[in-house]
Protein backbone atom coordinates (compact mmCIF):
# COMPACT_ATOMS: atom_id res chain seq x y z
CA UNK A 1 0.00 0.00 0.00
CA UNK A 2 1.30 3.41 -0.72
CA UNK A 3 0.13 6.91 -0.37
CA UNK A 4 0.51 9.78 -2.77
CA UNK A 5 1.39 13.36 -1.98
CA UNK A 6 1.66 16.55 -4.05
CA UNK A 7 4.46 18.96 -3.33
CA UNK A 8 5.80 22.20 -4.75
CA UNK A 9 9.19 21.78 -6.41
CA UNK A 10 10.72 24.32 -4.08
CA UNK A 11 9.98 22.28 -0.92
CA UNK A 12 12.52 20.18 0.97
CA UNK A 13 11.99 17.28 3.41
CA UNK A 14 10.81 18.23 6.89
CA UNK A 15 11.09 16.29 10.13
CA UNK A 16 8.45 13.79 11.17
CA UNK A 17 5.43 14.72 13.29
CA UNK A 18 5.90 15.24 17.05
CA UNK A 19 5.47 12.36 19.49
CA UNK A 20 2.41 12.03 21.68
CA UNK A 21 2.32 14.80 24.25
CA UNK A 22 4.72 17.13 22.45
CA UNK A 23 3.65 20.78 22.25
CA UNK A 24 2.27 22.01 18.97
CA UNK A 25 5.31 24.20 18.37
CA UNK A 26 7.47 21.08 18.04
CA UNK A 27 5.39 19.72 15.17
CA UNK A 28 7.06 19.50 11.80
CA UNK A 29 5.89 20.18 8.34
CA UNK A 30 5.08 17.21 6.06
CA UNK A 31 7.73 15.50 4.00
CA UNK A 32 8.33 17.16 0.65
CA UNK A 33 9.83 15.72 -2.52
CA UNK A 34 11.72 18.20 -4.63
CA UNK A 35 12.64 15.86 -7.44
CA UNK A 36 9.73 13.84 -8.84
CA UNK A 37 10.80 10.99 -11.05
CA UNK A 38 9.29 9.47 -14.13
CA UNK A 39 6.28 7.17 -13.62
CA UNK A 40 7.19 3.61 -12.78
CA UNK A 41 10.55 4.40 -11.20
CA UNK A 42 11.50 4.94 -7.59
CA UNK A 43 11.37 8.62 -6.77
CA UNK A 44 13.54 10.72 -4.59
CA UNK A 45 12.17 10.71 -1.09
CA UNK A 46 10.10 7.54 -1.50
CA UNK A 47 9.97 5.08 1.34
CA UNK A 48 11.43 1.81 0.18
CA UNK A 49 9.61 -0.15 2.86
CA UNK A 50 6.29 -1.84 2.10
CA UNK A 51 3.25 0.14 3.17
CA UNK A 52 0.51 -1.28 5.32
CA UNK A 53 -3.12 -0.41 5.69
CA UNK A 54 -4.73 0.85 8.84
CA UNK A 55 -6.98 -2.16 9.40
CA UNK A 56 -6.69 -5.91 9.31
CA UNK A 57 -7.18 -7.50 5.94
CA UNK A 58 -10.60 -9.19 5.70
CA UNK A 59 -10.74 -12.95 5.53
CA UNK A 60 -11.16 -13.91 1.91
CA UNK A 61 -13.35 -16.71 0.61
CA UNK A 62 -11.16 -19.75 0.06
CA UNK A 63 -13.46 -20.98 -2.70
CA UNK A 64 -14.64 -17.93 -4.59
CA UNK A 65 -17.55 -18.35 -6.93
CA UNK A 66 -16.53 -18.65 -10.54
CA UNK A 67 -17.25 -15.55 -12.59
CA UNK A 68 -20.11 -15.76 -14.98
CA UNK A 69 -18.89 -16.90 -18.34
CA UNK A 70 -15.34 -17.32 -19.54
CA UNK A 71 -13.45 -14.02 -19.59
CA UNK A 72 -11.55 -15.16 -22.59
CA UNK A 73 -14.53 -15.75 -24.87
CA UNK A 74 -16.63 -12.62 -24.78
CA UNK A 75 -14.68 -10.21 -26.94
CA UNK A 76 -11.81 -10.59 -29.34
CA UNK A 77 -10.43 -7.16 -28.53
CA UNK A 78 -10.79 -6.18 -24.87
CA UNK A 79 -9.14 -2.83 -25.27
CA UNK A 80 -11.43 0.00 -26.34
CA UNK A 81 -11.07 1.04 -30.00
CA UNK A 82 -8.70 3.95 -30.67
CA UNK A 83 -10.10 7.43 -30.81
CA UNK A 84 -11.14 8.48 -34.31
CA UNK A 85 -8.63 10.19 -36.60
CA UNK A 86 -9.06 13.68 -37.95
CA UNK A 87 -12.59 14.10 -39.15
CA UNK A 88 -13.48 10.45 -38.64
CA UNK A 89 -16.40 11.14 -36.32
CA UNK A 90 -19.53 12.54 -37.92
CA UNK A 91 -20.60 15.90 -36.55
CA UNK A 92 -24.13 17.21 -36.50
CA UNK A 93 -24.25 20.81 -37.71
CA UNK A 94 -27.60 21.38 -36.03
CA UNK A 95 -26.53 20.30 -32.55
CA UNK A 96 -22.79 20.90 -32.14
CA UNK A 97 -21.95 24.41 -30.94
CA UNK A 98 -19.19 26.33 -32.69
CA UNK A 99 -15.66 26.11 -31.28
CA UNK A 100 -15.19 28.07 -28.11
CA UNK A 101 -13.16 31.27 -28.57
CA UNK A 102 -9.39 31.10 -28.16
CA UNK A 103 -7.82 33.56 -25.73
CA UNK A 104 -10.61 36.10 -25.83
CA UNK A 105 -11.43 35.87 -29.53
CA UNK A 106 -14.95 36.83 -30.52
CA UNK A 107 -17.42 33.97 -30.49
CA UNK A 108 -19.29 33.02 -33.64
CA UNK A 109 -23.00 33.77 -33.72
CA UNK A 110 -25.19 30.71 -33.94
CA UNK A 111 -28.90 30.86 -33.07
CA UNK A 112 -29.05 27.11 -32.40
CA UNK A 113 -25.91 26.39 -30.42
CA UNK A 114 -25.66 27.47 -26.75
CA UNK A 115 -23.59 30.52 -25.90
CA UNK A 116 -19.86 29.80 -25.79
CA UNK A 117 -18.07 29.19 -22.53
CA UNK A 118 -15.44 31.79 -21.55
CA UNK A 119 -11.76 31.15 -22.08
CA UNK A 120 -10.03 29.37 -19.23
CA UNK A 121 -7.18 31.53 -17.98
CA UNK A 122 -7.20 30.27 -14.42
CA UNK A 123 -7.16 26.96 -12.64
CA UNK A 124 -10.45 25.09 -12.64
CA UNK A 125 -12.08 25.97 -9.36
CA UNK A 126 -12.04 28.45 -6.58
CA UNK A 127 -10.15 25.97 -4.45
CA UNK A 128 -6.88 26.58 -6.31
CA UNK A 129 -4.01 28.04 -4.39
CA UNK A 130 -3.71 31.67 -5.60
CA UNK A 131 -0.24 31.99 -4.11
CA UNK A 132 1.28 28.85 -5.63
CA UNK A 133 4.21 29.39 -7.94
CA UNK A 134 4.02 28.11 -11.54
CA UNK A 135 4.97 24.51 -12.00
CA UNK A 136 3.37 21.20 -11.28
CA UNK A 137 3.28 19.46 -7.95
CA UNK A 138 4.51 15.87 -8.20
CA UNK A 139 2.71 13.01 -6.55
CA UNK A 140 5.18 10.63 -4.93
CA UNK A 141 4.66 7.30 -3.23
CA UNK A 142 4.96 7.60 0.54
CA UNK A 143 4.55 4.83 3.11
CA UNK A 144 1.51 5.78 5.19
CA UNK A 145 3.05 3.85 8.06
CA UNK A 146 -0.16 2.32 9.26
CA UNK A 147 -0.30 -1.37 10.18
CA UNK A 148 -1.87 -4.38 8.50
CA UNK A 149 -1.21 -7.84 7.23
CA UNK A 150 -0.91 -9.29 3.76
CA UNK A 151 -1.59 -13.01 3.30
CA UNK A 152 -1.10 -13.47 7.04
CA UNK A 153 2.38 -11.91 7.13
CA UNK A 154 2.59 -8.56 8.99
CA UNK A 155 4.38 -5.67 7.36
CA UNK A 156 6.99 -3.92 9.47
CA UNK A 157 5.77 -0.57 10.73
CA UNK A 158 7.91 2.31 9.48
CA UNK A 159 7.80 6.04 9.53
CA UNK A 160 8.10 8.24 6.45
CA UNK A 161 11.90 8.07 6.43
CA UNK A 162 11.84 4.26 6.41
CA UNK A 163 13.05 3.92 10.00
CA UNK A 164 11.26 1.58 12.45
CA UNK A 165 8.70 3.54 14.42
CA UNK A 166 8.79 2.50 18.08
CA UNK A 167 5.79 4.68 18.89
CA UNK A 168 3.40 2.93 16.52
CA UNK A 169 1.31 -0.08 17.42
CA UNK A 170 0.12 -2.97 15.31
CA UNK A 171 -3.52 -3.19 14.46
CA UNK A 172 -5.26 -6.32 15.79
CA UNK A 173 -6.35 -9.00 13.40
CA UNK A 174 -9.91 -8.77 12.19
CA UNK A 175 -12.63 -11.33 12.67
CA UNK A 176 -15.57 -12.25 10.50
CA UNK A 177 -18.40 -10.88 12.60
CA UNK A 178 -20.90 -8.76 10.71
CA UNK A 179 -22.32 -5.69 12.46
CA UNK A 180 -26.06 -5.58 13.11
CA UNK A 181 -28.09 -4.66 10.05
CA UNK A 182 -29.62 -1.22 9.93
CA UNK A 183 -33.30 -0.98 9.02
CA UNK A 184 -33.57 -0.84 5.27
CA UNK A 185 -30.05 -2.16 4.66
CA UNK A 186 -29.76 -4.24 1.51
CA UNK A 187 -29.00 -7.89 2.12
CA UNK A 188 -25.72 -9.30 0.85
CA UNK A 189 -26.05 -11.73 -2.02
CA UNK A 190 -25.02 -15.37 -1.46
CA UNK A 191 -21.70 -14.67 -3.15
CA UNK A 192 -20.83 -11.85 -0.78
CA UNK A 193 -19.29 -12.23 2.66
CA UNK A 194 -20.00 -9.65 5.34
CA UNK A 195 -16.98 -8.87 7.49
CA UNK A 196 -16.19 -6.41 10.23
CA UNK A 197 -12.83 -4.83 10.96
CA UNK A 198 -12.97 -5.54 14.72
CA UNK A 199 -10.28 -6.60 17.16
CA UNK A 200 -9.98 -10.29 17.92
CA UNK A 201 -10.52 -11.19 21.56
CA UNK A 202 -8.05 -13.40 23.37
CA UNK A 203 -9.06 -16.05 25.91
CA UNK A 204 -5.56 -16.19 27.42
CA UNK A 205 -5.13 -14.80 30.91
CA UNK A 206 -2.86 -11.83 31.35
CA UNK A 207 0.67 -12.78 32.44
CA UNK A 208 0.18 -11.22 35.89
CA UNK A 209 -3.19 -12.84 36.49
CA UNK A 210 -3.82 -16.41 37.69
CA UNK A 211 -5.60 -18.74 35.27
CA UNK A 212 -9.37 -19.11 35.72
CA UNK A 213 -10.39 -21.57 38.41
CA UNK A 214 -12.64 -24.61 37.94
CA UNK A 215 -16.08 -23.55 36.76
CA UNK A 216 -15.01 -19.98 36.05
CA UNK A 217 -15.60 -18.62 32.53
CA UNK A 218 -12.55 -17.94 30.41
CA UNK A 219 -11.35 -14.39 30.75
CA UNK A 220 -11.31 -12.19 27.65
CA UNK A 221 -8.98 -9.31 26.98
CA UNK A 222 -10.48 -5.87 26.74
CA UNK A 223 -11.13 -4.80 23.13
CA UNK A 224 -8.38 -2.71 21.60
CA UNK A 225 -9.47 0.90 22.13
CA UNK A 226 -7.57 1.92 19.01
CA UNK A 227 -9.54 -0.38 16.70
CA UNK A 228 -11.96 1.19 14.21
CA UNK A 229 -14.87 -0.91 13.03
CA UNK A 230 -15.95 -0.97 9.41
CA UNK A 231 -18.21 -3.44 7.64
CA UNK A 232 -16.67 -5.14 4.59
CA UNK A 233 -18.49 -7.12 1.89
CA UNK A 234 -16.63 -9.18 -0.70
CA UNK A 235 -18.24 -9.17 -4.16
CA UNK A 236 -17.15 -11.86 -6.60
CA UNK A 237 -20.18 -12.87 -8.66
CA UNK A 238 -20.85 -10.16 -11.22
CA UNK A 239 -21.58 -10.37 -14.93
CA UNK A 240 -17.95 -10.03 -15.94
CA UNK A 241 -18.75 -10.57 -19.62
CA UNK A 242 -20.99 -7.50 -19.51
CA UNK A 243 -18.22 -5.55 -17.80
CA UNK A 244 -15.74 -6.62 -20.47
CA UNK A 245 -18.15 -5.69 -23.26
CA UNK A 246 -18.67 -2.21 -21.78
CA UNK A 247 -14.91 -1.64 -21.59
CA UNK A 248 -14.41 -2.91 -25.15
CA UNK A 249 -16.98 -0.41 -26.49
CA UNK A 250 -16.33 2.88 -24.70
CA UNK A 251 -17.98 6.16 -25.55
CA UNK A 252 -16.45 7.73 -28.65
CA UNK A 253 -17.37 9.33 -31.96
CA UNK A 254 -20.90 10.71 -32.28
CA UNK A 255 -21.86 9.51 -28.78
CA UNK A 256 -19.00 11.53 -27.30
CA UNK A 257 -19.93 14.64 -29.27
CA UNK A 258 -23.57 14.33 -28.21
CA UNK A 259 -22.59 14.13 -24.52
CA UNK A 260 -20.29 17.13 -24.86
CA UNK A 261 -23.00 19.17 -26.59
CA UNK A 262 -25.52 18.45 -23.86
CA UNK A 263 -23.02 19.26 -21.09
CA UNK A 264 -21.99 22.50 -22.83
CA UNK A 265 -25.63 23.55 -22.91
CA UNK A 266 -26.11 22.89 -19.21
CA UNK A 267 -22.98 24.75 -18.22
CA UNK A 268 -23.67 27.71 -20.49
CA UNK A 269 -27.24 28.49 -19.42
CA UNK A 270 -26.28 29.14 -15.79
CA UNK A 271 -28.94 26.83 -14.39
CA UNK A 272 -28.60 23.62 -12.41
CA UNK A 273 -26.18 21.07 -13.79
CA UNK A 274 -28.32 18.15 -12.61
CA UNK A 275 -25.97 16.78 -9.95
CA UNK A 276 -27.18 14.64 -7.08
CA UNK A 277 -27.79 16.70 -3.91
CA UNK A 278 -27.52 19.90 -5.94
CA UNK A 279 -30.96 20.84 -4.67
CA UNK A 280 -29.47 21.41 -1.21
CA UNK A 281 -26.89 23.98 -2.36
CA UNK A 282 -27.48 27.34 -0.70
CA UNK A 283 -26.72 29.07 -4.01
CA UNK A 284 -25.18 28.35 -7.39
CA UNK A 285 -21.79 29.23 -5.90
CA UNK A 286 -22.16 26.88 -2.91
CA UNK A 287 -19.54 24.12 -3.18
CA UNK A 288 -19.70 22.86 0.42
CA UNK A 289 -23.21 21.43 0.40
CA UNK A 290 -25.12 20.54 3.54
CA UNK A 291 -27.46 17.68 2.62
CA UNK A 292 -30.83 17.96 4.33
CA UNK A 293 -32.85 15.23 6.00
CA UNK A 294 -35.61 15.48 3.43
CA UNK A 295 -33.76 13.82 0.54
CA UNK A 296 -35.53 10.68 -0.77
CA UNK A 297 -34.55 7.51 1.01
CA UNK A 298 -32.43 5.19 -1.08
CA UNK A 299 -28.96 3.81 -1.44
CA UNK A 300 -26.03 6.19 -1.76
CA UNK A 301 -22.87 4.73 -3.28
CA UNK A 302 -19.39 6.18 -3.20
CA UNK A 303 -16.75 5.55 -5.89
CA UNK A 304 -13.14 6.41 -5.06
CA UNK A 305 -10.26 7.67 -7.21
CA UNK A 306 -10.48 6.21 -10.72
CA UNK A 307 -7.54 7.71 -12.63
CA UNK A 308 -8.76 6.51 -16.02
CA UNK A 309 -9.63 2.98 -14.83
CA UNK A 310 -12.62 2.19 -17.02
CA UNK A 311 -12.62 -1.46 -15.96
CA UNK A 312 -13.05 -0.60 -12.28
CA UNK A 313 -15.72 2.00 -13.14
CA UNK A 314 -17.79 -0.45 -15.18
CA UNK A 315 -17.46 -3.11 -12.45
CA UNK A 316 -18.68 -0.59 -9.87
CA UNK A 317 -21.66 0.43 -12.01
CA UNK A 318 -22.49 -3.22 -12.70
CA UNK A 319 -22.62 -3.90 -8.95
CA UNK A 320 -24.67 -0.79 -8.15
CA UNK A 321 -27.16 -1.35 -10.96
CA UNK A 322 -27.65 -5.06 -10.23
CA UNK A 323 -28.58 -4.50 -6.58
CA UNK A 324 -32.03 -4.46 -5.08
CA UNK A 325 -31.77 -0.76 -4.30
CA UNK A 326 -30.64 0.34 -7.76
CA UNK A 327 -33.83 2.30 -8.40
CA UNK A 328 -33.39 5.72 -6.88
CA UNK A 329 -29.79 5.10 -5.85
CA UNK A 330 -27.36 8.01 -5.99
CA UNK A 331 -23.67 7.78 -6.81
CA UNK A 332 -21.01 10.11 -5.43
CA UNK A 333 -17.63 10.06 -7.19
CA UNK A 334 -14.76 11.18 -4.98
CA UNK A 335 -12.80 12.84 -7.79
CA UNK A 336 -9.53 12.23 -9.63
CA UNK A 337 -11.23 10.87 -12.72
CA UNK A 338 -8.17 11.12 -14.96
CA UNK A 339 -4.35 10.99 -15.19
CA UNK A 340 -2.24 7.88 -14.75
CA UNK A 341 -4.71 5.70 -16.66
CA UNK A 342 -5.33 4.45 -20.18
CA UNK A 343 -9.00 5.49 -20.36
CA UNK A 344 -9.10 8.99 -18.90
CA UNK A 345 -11.29 10.49 -21.64
CA UNK A 346 -13.62 7.48 -21.65
CA UNK A 347 -14.06 7.57 -17.87
CA UNK A 348 -14.95 11.27 -17.91
CA UNK A 349 -17.47 10.81 -20.73
CA UNK A 350 -19.08 7.82 -19.01
CA UNK A 351 -19.58 9.78 -15.79
CA UNK A 352 -20.85 12.84 -17.68
CA UNK A 353 -23.36 10.50 -19.32
CA UNK A 354 -24.58 9.40 -15.85
CA UNK A 355 -24.95 13.03 -14.78
CA UNK A 356 -26.87 13.98 -17.90
CA UNK A 357 -29.15 10.94 -17.95
CA UNK A 358 -29.84 11.12 -14.18
CA UNK A 359 -31.52 13.31 -13.37
CA UNK A 360 -29.95 14.11 -10.00
CA UNK A 361 -28.47 10.62 -9.91
CA UNK A 362 -24.72 11.25 -9.77
CA UNK A 363 -22.38 13.91 -8.50
CA UNK A 364 -18.61 14.38 -8.44
CA UNK A 365 -16.68 15.84 -5.52
CA UNK A 366 -13.70 17.50 -7.21
CA UNK A 367 -10.28 15.91 -6.78
CA UNK A 368 -6.93 17.62 -7.01
CA UNK A 369 -6.23 16.29 -10.53
CA UNK A 370 -9.66 17.49 -11.68
CA UNK A 371 -9.15 20.94 -10.19
CA UNK A 372 -5.56 21.25 -11.43
CA UNK A 373 -6.51 21.21 -15.13
CA UNK A 374 -6.61 24.64 -16.79
CA UNK A 375 -6.13 26.26 -20.18
CA UNK A 376 -4.05 29.28 -21.07
CA UNK A 377 -2.51 30.58 -24.26
CA UNK A 378 -4.28 28.01 -26.39
CA UNK A 379 -2.92 24.99 -24.48
CA UNK A 380 -4.09 22.86 -21.58
CA UNK A 381 -2.02 22.93 -18.42
CA UNK A 382 -1.94 21.11 -15.10
CA UNK A 383 -0.45 22.06 -11.75
CA UNK A 384 0.01 18.46 -10.62
CA UNK A 385 2.01 15.47 -11.79
CA UNK A 386 1.43 13.00 -13.34
CA UNK A 387 -0.55 14.90 -15.98
CA UNK A 388 -0.60 12.53 -18.94
CA UNK A 389 -4.23 13.40 -19.69
CA UNK A 390 -3.22 17.04 -20.18
CA UNK A 391 -0.58 15.87 -22.67
CA UNK A 392 -3.22 13.79 -24.47
CA UNK A 393 -5.57 16.75 -24.74
CA UNK A 394 -2.86 18.96 -26.24
CA UNK A 395 -1.52 16.32 -28.63
CA UNK A 396 -4.95 15.31 -29.90
CA UNK A 397 -6.21 18.88 -30.19
CA UNK A 398 -3.17 19.91 -32.24
CA UNK A 399 -3.62 16.85 -34.44
CA UNK A 400 -7.18 17.90 -35.30
CA UNK A 401 -9.08 15.44 -33.11
CA UNK A 402 -12.79 16.20 -33.54
CA UNK A 403 -13.68 16.66 -29.87
CA UNK A 404 -10.58 16.48 -27.64
CA UNK A 405 -10.36 20.24 -27.18
CA UNK A 406 -14.08 20.48 -26.41
CA UNK A 407 -13.71 17.75 -23.81
CA UNK A 408 -10.90 19.59 -22.04
CA UNK A 409 -12.85 22.85 -21.98
CA UNK A 410 -15.99 21.16 -20.64
CA UNK A 411 -14.01 19.43 -17.87
CA UNK A 412 -12.53 22.76 -16.74
CA UNK A 413 -15.89 24.50 -16.62
CA UNK A 414 -17.64 21.54 -15.00
CA UNK A 415 -15.19 21.37 -12.10
CA UNK A 416 -15.47 25.09 -11.52
CA UNK A 417 -19.05 24.31 -10.50
CA UNK A 418 -18.61 20.88 -8.91
CA UNK A 419 -18.88 20.55 -5.12
CA UNK A 420 -15.82 20.23 -2.91
CA UNK A 421 -17.56 18.67 0.10
CA UNK A 422 -20.86 17.09 1.11
CA UNK A 423 -22.12 17.19 4.70
CA UNK A 424 -24.60 14.36 5.29
CA UNK A 425 -27.23 14.76 8.02
CA UNK A 426 -25.92 11.81 10.07
CA UNK A 427 -22.48 13.40 10.58
CA UNK A 428 -20.62 11.96 7.57
CA UNK A 429 -18.33 14.37 5.72
CA UNK A 430 -17.43 13.44 2.15
CA UNK A 431 -14.52 15.11 0.35
CA UNK A 432 -11.67 14.08 -1.89
CA UNK A 433 -8.84 15.10 0.41
CA UNK A 434 -9.21 16.61 3.85
CA UNK A 435 -10.74 19.24 6.09
CA UNK A 436 -10.07 22.94 6.64
CA UNK A 437 -6.87 22.99 8.68
CA UNK A 438 -6.68 24.40 12.17
CA UNK A 439 -5.38 27.82 11.08
CA UNK A 440 -8.71 28.38 9.30
CA UNK A 441 -10.97 27.39 12.20
CA UNK A 442 -11.12 30.86 13.84
CA UNK A 443 -11.78 32.51 10.48
CA UNK A 444 -14.41 29.94 9.60
CA UNK A 445 -16.27 30.45 12.87
CA UNK A 446 -15.99 34.23 12.69
CA UNK A 447 -17.12 34.61 9.09
CA UNK A 448 -19.19 31.46 8.56
CA UNK A 449 -18.02 31.25 4.95
CA UNK A 450 -17.79 27.61 3.92
CA UNK A 451 -16.93 28.72 0.38
CA UNK A 452 -13.78 30.60 1.37
CA UNK A 453 -11.25 29.54 -1.33
CA UNK A 454 -8.84 28.37 1.37
CA UNK A 455 -11.50 26.18 2.94
CA UNK A 456 -12.46 24.66 -0.41
CA UNK A 457 -8.80 24.09 -1.23
CA UNK A 458 -8.27 22.06 1.94
CA UNK A 459 -11.27 19.86 1.18
CA UNK A 460 -9.56 18.94 -2.10
CA UNK A 461 -5.85 18.84 -1.33
CA UNK A 462 -5.14 18.01 2.33
CA UNK A 463 -3.95 14.52 3.24
CA UNK A 464 -4.66 12.49 6.37
CA UNK A 465 -1.63 11.40 8.39
CA UNK A 466 -2.30 7.87 9.71
CA UNK A 467 -0.43 8.27 13.04
CA UNK A 468 0.04 11.93 13.89
CA UNK A 469 -2.07 13.60 16.53
CA UNK A 470 -1.55 17.04 15.00
CA UNK A 471 0.19 18.57 12.02
CA UNK A 472 1.20 22.20 11.66
CA UNK A 473 -0.60 23.84 8.72
CA UNK A 474 1.84 24.33 5.85
CA UNK A 475 0.59 26.99 3.45
CA UNK A 476 3.66 26.72 1.22
CA UNK A 477 2.06 23.67 -0.39
CA UNK A 478 -1.51 22.66 -1.08
CA UNK A 479 -0.74 19.07 -0.09
CA UNK A 480 -0.39 19.69 3.63
CA UNK A 481 -1.38 17.05 6.20
CA UNK A 482 -3.74 16.83 9.16
CA UNK A 483 -3.81 14.49 12.15
CA UNK A 484 -6.59 12.90 14.14
CA UNK A 485 -6.79 15.72 16.69
CA UNK A 486 -6.93 18.27 13.87
CA UNK A 487 -9.93 16.38 12.52
CA UNK A 488 -11.51 16.21 15.98
CA UNK A 489 -11.09 19.98 16.32
CA UNK A 490 -12.78 20.50 12.97
CA UNK A 491 -15.65 18.22 14.00
CA UNK A 492 -16.20 20.45 17.04
CA UNK A 493 -16.10 23.63 14.94
CA UNK A 494 -18.46 22.29 12.27
CA UNK A 495 -20.90 21.02 14.89
CA UNK A 496 -20.96 24.41 16.63
CA UNK A 497 -21.68 25.99 13.24
CA UNK A 498 -24.71 23.79 12.65
CA UNK A 499 -23.06 21.15 10.47
CA UNK A 500 -22.50 18.13 12.72
CA UNK A 501 -19.45 16.07 11.65
CA UNK A 502 -18.28 12.91 13.40
CA UNK A 503 -16.54 10.87 10.66
CA UNK A 504 -15.26 11.18 7.13
CA UNK A 505 -15.09 9.37 3.78
CA UNK A 506 -12.30 10.39 1.41
CA UNK A 507 -10.00 9.28 -1.43
CA UNK A 508 -6.77 11.02 -2.48
CA UNK A 509 -4.29 8.66 -0.75
CA UNK A 510 -3.69 5.46 -2.72
CA UNK A 511 -3.60 2.39 -0.50
CA UNK A 512 -2.60 -1.12 -1.51
CA UNK A 513 -5.79 -2.83 -0.37
CA UNK A 514 -7.76 0.11 -1.80
CA UNK A 515 -9.33 0.95 1.55
CA UNK A 516 -7.97 1.94 4.94
CA UNK A 517 -9.11 3.03 8.37
CA UNK A 518 -6.39 4.29 10.67
CA UNK A 519 -5.80 2.99 14.20
CA UNK A 520 -6.36 5.57 16.96
CA UNK A 521 -8.80 7.48 14.76
CA UNK A 522 -11.59 5.78 16.71
CA UNK A 523 -13.23 8.89 18.17
CA UNK A 524 -13.68 10.48 14.75
CA UNK A 525 -12.82 7.80 12.17
CA UNK A 526 -11.94 8.38 8.53
CA UNK A 527 -12.31 5.83 5.74
CA UNK A 528 -10.16 6.11 2.60
CA UNK A 529 -11.20 4.25 -0.57
CA UNK A 530 -9.78 3.86 -4.10
CA UNK A 531 -11.58 2.31 -7.07
CA UNK A 532 -8.49 1.11 -8.93
CA UNK A 533 -8.12 -2.38 -10.40
CA UNK A 534 -4.36 -2.44 -10.92
CA UNK A 535 -1.13 -0.92 -9.66
CA UNK A 536 -0.50 2.54 -11.02
CA UNK A 537 2.89 3.35 -12.57
CA UNK A 538 3.82 5.50 -9.56
CA UNK A 539 2.93 2.80 -7.04
CA UNK A 540 6.01 0.84 -6.03
CA UNK A 541 4.92 -2.01 -3.80
CA UNK A 542 2.37 -4.80 -3.92
CA UNK A 543 0.81 -7.02 -6.57
CA UNK A 544 -0.19 -5.76 -9.98
CA UNK A 545 -3.84 -6.83 -9.72
CA UNK A 546 -5.78 -4.96 -7.07
CA UNK A 547 -9.30 -5.20 -5.64
CA UNK A 548 -11.14 -1.92 -6.34
CA UNK A 549 -13.38 -0.65 -3.55
CA UNK A 550 -16.64 1.25 -3.48
CA UNK A 551 -18.73 2.04 -0.40
CA UNK A 552 -22.40 2.25 0.59
CA UNK A 553 -23.84 4.85 2.93
CA UNK A 554 -25.05 3.49 6.28
CA UNK A 555 -26.74 5.96 8.58
CA UNK A 556 -24.77 6.82 11.67
CA UNK A 557 -21.72 4.72 10.80
CA UNK A 558 -18.75 4.59 8.46
CA UNK A 559 -19.89 3.58 4.98
CA UNK A 560 -19.93 -0.14 4.22
CA UNK A 561 -16.96 -1.25 2.11
CA UNK A 562 -17.62 -3.34 -1.01
CA UNK A 563 -14.53 -5.08 -2.47
CA UNK A 564 -14.99 -5.94 -6.16
CA UNK A 565 -12.92 -9.04 -6.98
CA UNK A 566 -12.40 -8.57 -10.72
CA UNK A 567 -10.91 -11.77 -12.20
CA UNK A 568 -7.14 -11.27 -12.47
CA UNK A 569 -7.13 -12.51 -16.06
CA UNK A 570 -9.64 -9.81 -17.00
CA UNK A 571 -7.51 -7.12 -15.36
CA UNK A 572 -4.44 -8.24 -17.31
CA UNK A 573 -6.48 -8.54 -20.49
CA UNK A 574 -7.62 -4.93 -20.29
CA UNK A 575 -4.51 -3.47 -18.63
CA UNK A 576 -1.45 -5.65 -19.40
CA UNK A 577 1.34 -5.19 -16.91
CA UNK A 578 3.92 -2.87 -18.53
CA UNK A 579 6.87 -5.25 -18.09
CA UNK A 580 4.87 -8.20 -19.46
CA UNK A 581 3.62 -6.14 -22.41
CA UNK A 582 7.15 -5.03 -23.29
CA UNK A 583 8.40 -8.62 -23.10
CA UNK A 584 5.61 -9.84 -25.39
CA UNK A 585 6.39 -7.09 -27.90
CA UNK A 586 10.07 -8.02 -27.92
CA UNK A 587 9.24 -11.70 -28.41
CA UNK A 588 6.92 -10.87 -31.32
CA UNK A 589 9.57 -8.67 -32.91
């Protein structure tokens, strides 16, 4: 498991966080990496020790159900077809708006097409750091230094510098006890196993206590107070042939142009975009939405970072749409739709299609990669690395691709309007990254402005430190960190301001098991999820095939984790491992 972090190029490594009980003045700023390396290679400042998640790995089914159908027989070409060449896609003159003006050029008059969107000269979203210097912030793999096990073997616990951390404690092994069902909770299918991340109890007497006498019940150890409970369901039996077929036929050509035209119209008229929970926004400019109690009852699903992983997206949608509560269900995407993946454009178009066809069915909480995309001087730019999708947009636009430039412009304008945080009525906060750091708490309480650009920026960019109690706010980088007591302080502030917060769901940090809950965050727990089916080029440790995770809202508790066990052969069919693909190419040559 690894975690990602963005840093300004001018930053240098800082000391680790203070030990328990140290005064706040002794806290150190987060580790910075001044020299990002190319994807797939070890970067300067990376921890070379294996990462570990914050909870015990669930017990997996020893005899998983066979996937429906044979993954090798459904489609001859699993990879989506290439994007059309210049002029290959047919364009409808009656529906496609004229090209948006370049750098302030006058827009063409067209009585049918919607008014053009303005030129993008700034970063997409009010959450951008206005004081950041030009240049991209590189995401580097960092050991989150939490504890877990992999295939029964515990990882060594290390701090960010790779040194053993004597202050950390191992998380207890999990058992297979499901928590009590909430009224209205959907039942798990026979192929799913309900698990709970709870500490195992020991029947051994403490060393300083005598063994139980005859007729006395066996003593049990007190539950680990640092354990955080989360319900986990393993999903293995999906229609994998349907998933493969959806990946093999992604949105392109006329379908892509139709989606872009419809989204341009919605963004240009100034009205509602049609996002789930948009009805609760205090105004069009409200990007920290407090969801009211009166929203229709139904399932709410959360999809983590995707980074162009169309296979994981289609598997998630297959699971959501095949469930008993599919009708009326809402889907919240936690951002980072693109970069570092082969299907960035296709993932964005598929999610735009869900938003448009809703209505009010899906929403996207902006991620740092989404917000970092901008356009200036006739070219797309990004303030974060990796930014391969930005390169694709520029290359394809210059080559005359029929809709690549339109797609980039629509993405920028969409994420200027997209929410940065959702406050659910049961105390769950949902954001891509973090919470407003402690330096903003007095300002937030004094002014009551949840849409302060600094507040919105922290929702998108801050990272959760798995062990630290507190972290000093570092305004020299957007990717600062917060600890568990920082989160507790925010919960108190938000509650006093009429937005009760007791726990959080987030993405942003990439973890090997694709979900994590941190030990000692038990008073105000935070759940991190990723919906990624394979190891990204910048991830160093762990197997290539991964188990993408989505989550389901459960009132009053952390969301329920759903692990989607995509067949490994299907993952490698759609996304061949780079080393294996290079070897096959050399053998064929």
